[in-house]
Amino acid sequence: MVFDRTPFRQGIRKILIRGFNPLVDAIEYGRELLPRVRAQVAARDVARQAAAA
């Protein structure tokens, strides 16, 4: 995935959870989405540090 297209890179700070069962959605986001976003942000930060060195 290209980091420039991630929601974090675009300045998104909050995710609105809507639908029929937001509790289940929130649990799934916590298990699936948030760890992936955190990993991509960490990889981007490492790449930036390596490029600056």
PDB file of N, CA and C in Angstrom:
ATOM      1  N   MET A   1       0.843  -1.178   0.000  1.00  0.00           N
ATOM      2  CA  MET A   1       0.000   0.000   0.000  1.00  0.00           C
ATOM      3  C   MET A   1       0.886   1.237   0.000  1.00  0.00           C
ATOM      4  N   VAL A   2       0.482   2.220  -0.717  1.00  0.00           N
ATOM      5  CA  VAL A   2       1.205   3.482  -0.778  1.00  0.00           C
ATOM      6  C   VAL A   2       0.792   4.327   0.418  1.00  0.00           C
ATOM      7  N   PHE A   3       1.771   4.779   1.185  1.00  0.00           N
ATOM      8  CA  PHE A   3       1.469   5.510   2.413  1.00  0.00           C
ATOM      9  C   PHE A   3       0.754   6.825   2.155  1.00  0.00           C
ATOM     10  N   ASP A   4       0.978   7.446   1.000  1.00  0.00           N
ATOM     11  CA  ASP A   4       0.334   8.726   0.713  1.00  0.00           C
ATOM     12  C   ASP A   4      -1.180   8.588   0.599  1.00  0.00           C
ATOM     13  N   ARG A   5      -1.683   7.386   0.435  1.00  0.00           N
ATOM     14  CA  ARG A   5      -3.119   7.194   0.285  1.00  0.00           C
ATOM     15  C   ARG A   5      -3.787   6.697   1.564  1.00  0.00           C
ATOM     16  N   THR A   6      -3.033   6.529   2.623  1.00  0.00           N
ATOM     17  CA  THR A   6      -3.632   6.070   3.871  1.00  0.00           C
ATOM     18  C   THR A   6      -4.441   7.192   4.496  1.00  0.00           C
ATOM     19  N   PRO A   7      -5.516   6.849   5.183  1.00  0.00           N
ATOM     20  CA  PRO A   7      -6.305   7.886   5.860  1.00  0.00           C
ATOM     21  C   PRO A   7      -5.465   8.732   6.811  1.00  0.00           C
ATOM     22  N   PHE A   8      -4.523   8.099   7.515  1.00  0.00           N
ATOM     23  CA  PHE A   8      -3.672   8.841   8.448  1.00  0.00           C
ATOM     24  C   PHE A   8      -2.892   9.922   7.721  1.00  0.00           C
ATOM     25  N   ARG A   9      -2.336   9.591   6.574  1.00  0.00           N
ATOM     26  CA  ARG A   9      -1.536  10.529   5.798  1.00  0.00           C
ATOM     27  C   ARG A   9      -2.387  11.698   5.304  1.00  0.00           C
ATOM     28  N   GLN A  10      -3.656  11.438   5.055  1.00  0.00           N
ATOM     29  CA  GLN A  10      -4.543  12.469   4.552  1.00  0.00           C
ATOM     30  C   GLN A  10      -5.092  13.345   5.669  1.00  0.00           C
ATOM     31  N   GLY A  11      -4.750  13.059   6.908  1.00  0.00           N
ATOM     32  CA  GLY A  11      -5.151  13.899   8.009  1.00  0.00           C
ATOM     33  C   GLY A  11      -6.393  13.433   8.744  1.00  0.00           C
ATOM     34  N   ILE A  12      -6.865  12.248   8.446  1.00  0.00           N
ATOM     35  CA  ILE A  12      -8.050  11.732   9.127  1.00  0.00           C
ATOM     36  C   ILE A  12      -7.669  11.317  10.540  1.00  0.00           C
ATOM     37  N   ARG A  13      -8.403  11.814  11.519  1.00  0.00           N
ATOM     38  CA  ARG A  13      -8.101  11.528  12.917  1.00  0.00           C
ATOM     39  C   ARG A  13      -9.173  10.675  13.586  1.00  0.00           C
ATOM     40  N   LYS A  14     -10.367  10.637  13.008  1.00  0.00           N
ATOM     41  CA  LYS A  14     -11.467   9.890  13.613  1.00  0.00           C
ATOM     42  C   LYS A  14     -12.174   9.066  12.554  1.00  0.00           C
ATOM     43  N   ILE A  15     -12.710   7.935  12.972  1.00  0.00           N
ATOM     44  CA  ILE A  15     -13.499   7.082  12.096  1.00  0.00           C
ATOM     45  C   ILE A  15     -14.905   7.024  12.670  1.00  0.00           C
ATOM     46  N   LEU A  16     -15.886   7.368  11.859  1.00  0.00           N
ATOM     47  CA  LEU A  16     -17.267   7.327  12.291  1.00  0.00           C
ATOM     48  C   LEU A  16     -17.810   5.916  12.075  1.00  0.00           C
ATOM     49  N   ILE A  17     -18.305   5.316  13.133  1.00  0.00           N
ATOM     50  CA  ILE A  17     -18.861   3.968  13.063  1.00  0.00           C
ATOM     51  C   ILE A  17     -20.374   4.080  13.017  1.00  0.00           C
ATOM     52  N   ARG A  18     -20.950   3.617  11.917  1.00  0.00           N
ATOM     53  CA  ARG A  18     -22.395   3.645  11.766  1.00  0.00           C
ATOM     54  C   ARG A  18     -22.843   2.299  11.216  1.00  0.00           C
ATOM     55  N   GLY A  19     -24.068   1.959  11.463  1.00  0.00           N
ATOM     56  CA  GLY A  19     -24.602   0.726  10.914  1.00  0.00           C
ATOM     57  C   GLY A  19     -25.547   0.061  11.880  1.00  0.00           C
ATOM     58  N   PHE A  20     -25.801  -1.194  11.621  1.00  0.00           N
ATOM     59  CA  PHE A  20     -26.786  -1.929  12.406  1.00  0.00           C
ATOM     60  C   PHE A  20     -26.245  -2.394  13.748  1.00  0.00           C
ATOM     61  N   ASN A  21     -24.966  -2.682  13.811  1.00  0.00           N
ATOM     62  CA  ASN A  21     -24.397  -3.192  15.059  1.00  0.00           C
ATOM     63  C   ASN A  21     -23.030  -2.547  15.290  1.00  0.00           C
ATOM     64  N   PRO A  22     -22.987  -1.287  15.728  1.00  0.00           N
ATOM     65  CA  PRO A  22     -21.713  -0.596  15.851  1.00  0.00           C
ATOM     66  C   PRO A  22     -20.765  -1.209  16.880  1.00  0.00           C
ATOM     67  N   LEU A  23     -21.280  -1.911  17.878  1.00  0.00           N
ATOM     68  CA  LEU A  23     -20.383  -2.543  18.844  1.00  0.00           C
ATOM     69  C   LEU A  23     -19.534  -3.606  18.168  1.00  0.00           C
ATOM     70  N   VAL A  24     -20.150  -4.449  17.363  1.00  0.00           N
ATOM     71  CA  VAL A  24     -19.402  -5.481  16.638  1.00  0.00           C
ATOM     72  C   VAL A  24     -18.410  -4.834  15.682  1.00  0.00           C
ATOM     73  N   ASP A  25     -18.840  -3.776  14.986  1.00  0.00           N
ATOM     74  CA  ASP A  25     -17.939  -3.068  14.078  1.00  0.00           C
ATOM     75  C   ASP A  25     -16.741  -2.494  14.835  1.00  0.00           C
ATOM     76  N   ALA A  26     -16.990  -1.890  15.988  1.00  0.00           N
ATOM     77  CA  ALA A  26     -15.901  -1.311  16.778  1.00  0.00           C
ATOM     78  C   ALA A  26     -14.911  -2.383  17.213  1.00  0.00           C
ATOM     79  N   ILE A  27     -15.409  -3.536  17.596  1.00  0.00           N
ATOM     80  CA  ILE A  27     -14.531  -4.641  17.998  1.00  0.00           C
ATOM     81  C   ILE A  27     -13.684  -5.098  16.813  1.00  0.00           C
ATOM     82  N   GLU A  28     -14.321  -5.241  15.653  1.00  0.00           N
ATOM     83  CA  GLU A  28     -13.577  -5.663  14.461  1.00  0.00           C
ATOM     84  C   GLU A  28     -12.544  -4.616  14.055  1.00  0.00           C
ATOM     85  N   TYR A  29     -12.910  -3.335  14.132  1.00  0.00           N
ATOM     86  CA  TYR A  29     -11.941  -2.288  13.804  1.00  0.00           C
ATOM     87  C   TYR A  29     -10.742  -2.366  14.741  1.00  0.00           C
ATOM     88  N   GLY A  30     -11.000  -2.597  16.015  1.00  0.00           N
ATOM     89  CA  GLY A  30      -9.916  -2.708  16.986  1.00  0.00           C
ATOM     90  C   GLY A  30      -9.007  -3.892  16.735  1.00  0.00           C
ATOM     91  N   ARG A  31      -9.578  -4.948  16.240  1.00  0.00           N
ATOM     92  CA  ARG A  31      -8.794  -6.168  15.968  1.00  0.00           C
ATOM     93  C   ARG A  31      -8.103  -6.145  14.612  1.00  0.00           C
ATOM     94  N   GLU A  32      -8.756  -5.571  13.617  1.00  0.00           N
ATOM     95  CA  GLU A  32      -8.269  -5.644  12.243  1.00  0.00           C
ATOM     96  C   GLU A  32      -7.704  -4.327  11.715  1.00  0.00           C
ATOM     97  N   LEU A  33      -8.489  -3.285  11.766  1.00  0.00           N
ATOM     98  CA  LEU A  33      -8.115  -2.029  11.118  1.00  0.00           C
ATOM     99  C   LEU A  33      -7.029  -1.266  11.861  1.00  0.00           C
ATOM    100  N   LEU A  34      -7.205  -1.051  13.138  1.00  0.00           N
ATOM    101  CA  LEU A  34      -6.249  -0.231  13.895  1.00  0.00           C
ATOM    102  C   LEU A  34      -4.838  -0.803  13.913  1.00  0.00           C
ATOM    103  N   PRO A  35      -4.650  -2.118  14.126  1.00  0.00           N
ATOM    104  CA  PRO A  35      -3.284  -2.636  14.067  1.00  0.00           C
ATOM    105  C   PRO A  35      -2.630  -2.448  12.691  1.00  0.00           C
ATOM    106  N   ARG A  36      -3.408  -2.566  11.632  1.00  0.00           N
ATOM    107  CA  ARG A  36      -2.847  -2.358  10.292  1.00  0.00           C
ATOM    108  C   ARG A  36      -2.439  -0.909  10.073  1.00  0.00           C
ATOM    109  N   VAL A  37      -3.269   0.013  10.520  1.00  0.00           N
ATOM    110  CA  VAL A  37      -2.940   1.434  10.379  1.00  0.00           C
ATOM    111  C   VAL A  37      -1.698   1.756  11.201  1.00  0.00           C
ATOM    112  N   ARG A  38      -1.652   1.260  12.429  1.00  0.00           N
ATOM    113  CA  ARG A  38      -0.477   1.515  13.281  1.00  0.00           C
ATOM    114  C   ARG A  38       0.798   0.951  12.654  1.00  0.00           C
ATOM    115  N   ALA A  39       0.717  -0.234  12.068  1.00  0.00           N
ATOM    116  CA  ALA A  39       1.890  -0.844  11.425  1.00  0.00           C
ATOM    117  C   ALA A  39       2.346  -0.016  10.227  1.00  0.00           C
ATOM    118  N   GLN A  40       1.412   0.480   9.445  1.00  0.00           N
ATOM    119  CA  GLN A  40       1.782   1.296   8.291  1.00  0.00           C
ATOM    120  C   GLN A  40       2.389   2.632   8.720  1.00  0.00           C
ATOM    121  N   VAL A  41       1.849   3.216   9.754  1.00  0.00           N
ATOM    122  CA  VAL A  41       2.398   4.477  10.251  1.00  0.00           C
ATOM    123  C   VAL A  41       3.809   4.251  10.787  1.00  0.00           C
ATOM    124  N   ALA A  42       4.017   3.166  11.513  1.00  0.00           N
ATOM    125  CA  ALA A  42       5.346   2.855  12.037  1.00  0.00           C
ATOM    126  C   ALA A  42       6.337   2.619  10.899  1.00  0.00           C
ATOM    127  N   ALA A  43       5.916   1.896   9.862  1.00  0.00           N
ATOM    128  CA  ALA A  43       6.795   1.650   8.715  1.00  0.00           C
ATOM    129  C   ALA A  43       7.129   2.962   8.000  1.00  0.00           C
ATOM    130  N   ARG A  44       6.155   3.835   7.891  1.00  0.00           N
ATOM    131  CA  ARG A  44       6.400   5.140   7.264  1.00  0.00           C
ATOM    132  C   ARG A  44       7.401   5.947   8.079  1.00  0.00           C
ATOM    133  N   ASP A  45       7.246   5.915   9.400  1.00  0.00           N
ATOM    134  CA  ASP A  45       8.169   6.650  10.253  1.00  0.00           C
ATOM    135  C   ASP A  45       9.595   6.110  10.144  1.00  0.00           C
ATOM    136  N   VAL A  46       9.735   4.801  10.077  1.00  0.00           N
ATOM    137  CA  VAL A  46      11.062   4.183   9.921  1.00  0.00           C
ATOM    138  C   VAL A  46      11.667   4.593   8.568  1.00  0.00           C
ATOM    139  N   ALA A  47      10.856   4.568   7.518  1.00  0.00           N
ATOM    140  CA  ALA A  47      11.352   4.961   6.196  1.00  0.00           C
ATOM    141  C   ALA A  47      11.788   6.420   6.177  1.00  0.00           C
ATOM    142  N   ARG A  48      11.031   7.279   6.841  1.00  0.00           N
ATOM    143  CA  ARG A  48      11.412   8.694   6.913  1.00  0.00           C
ATOM    144  C   ARG A  48      12.716   8.878   7.674  1.00  0.00           C
ATOM    145  N   GLN A  49      12.863   8.156   8.769  1.00  0.00           N
ATOM    146  CA  GLN A  49      14.100   8.264   9.560  1.00  0.00           C
ATOM    147  C   GLN A  49      15.290   7.763   8.751  1.00  0.00           C
ATOM    148  N   ALA A  50      15.111   6.671   8.003  1.00  0.00           N
ATOM    149  CA  ALA A  50      16.199   6.139   7.196  1.00  0.00           C
ATOM    150  C   ALA A  50      16.572   7.100   6.080  1.00  0.00           C
ATOM    151  N   ALA A  51      15.584   7.753   5.497  1.00  0.00           N
ATOM    152  CA  ALA A  51      15.847   8.709   4.412  1.00  0.00           C
ATOM    153  C   ALA A  51      16.550   9.965   4.941  1.00  0.00           C
ATOM    154  N   ALA A  52      16.262  10.320   6.189  1.00  0.00           N
ATOM    155  CA  ALA A  52      16.870  11.514   6.773  1.00  0.00           C
ATOM    156  C   ALA A  52      18.296  11.261   7.228  1.00  0.00           C
ATOM    157  N   ALA A  53      18.639  10.000   7.446  1.00  0.00           N
ATOM    158  CA  ALA A  53      19.989   9.672   7.951  1.00  0.00           C
ATOM    159  C   ALA A  53      21.031   9.663   6.872  1.00  0.00           C
TER     160      ALA A  53
END
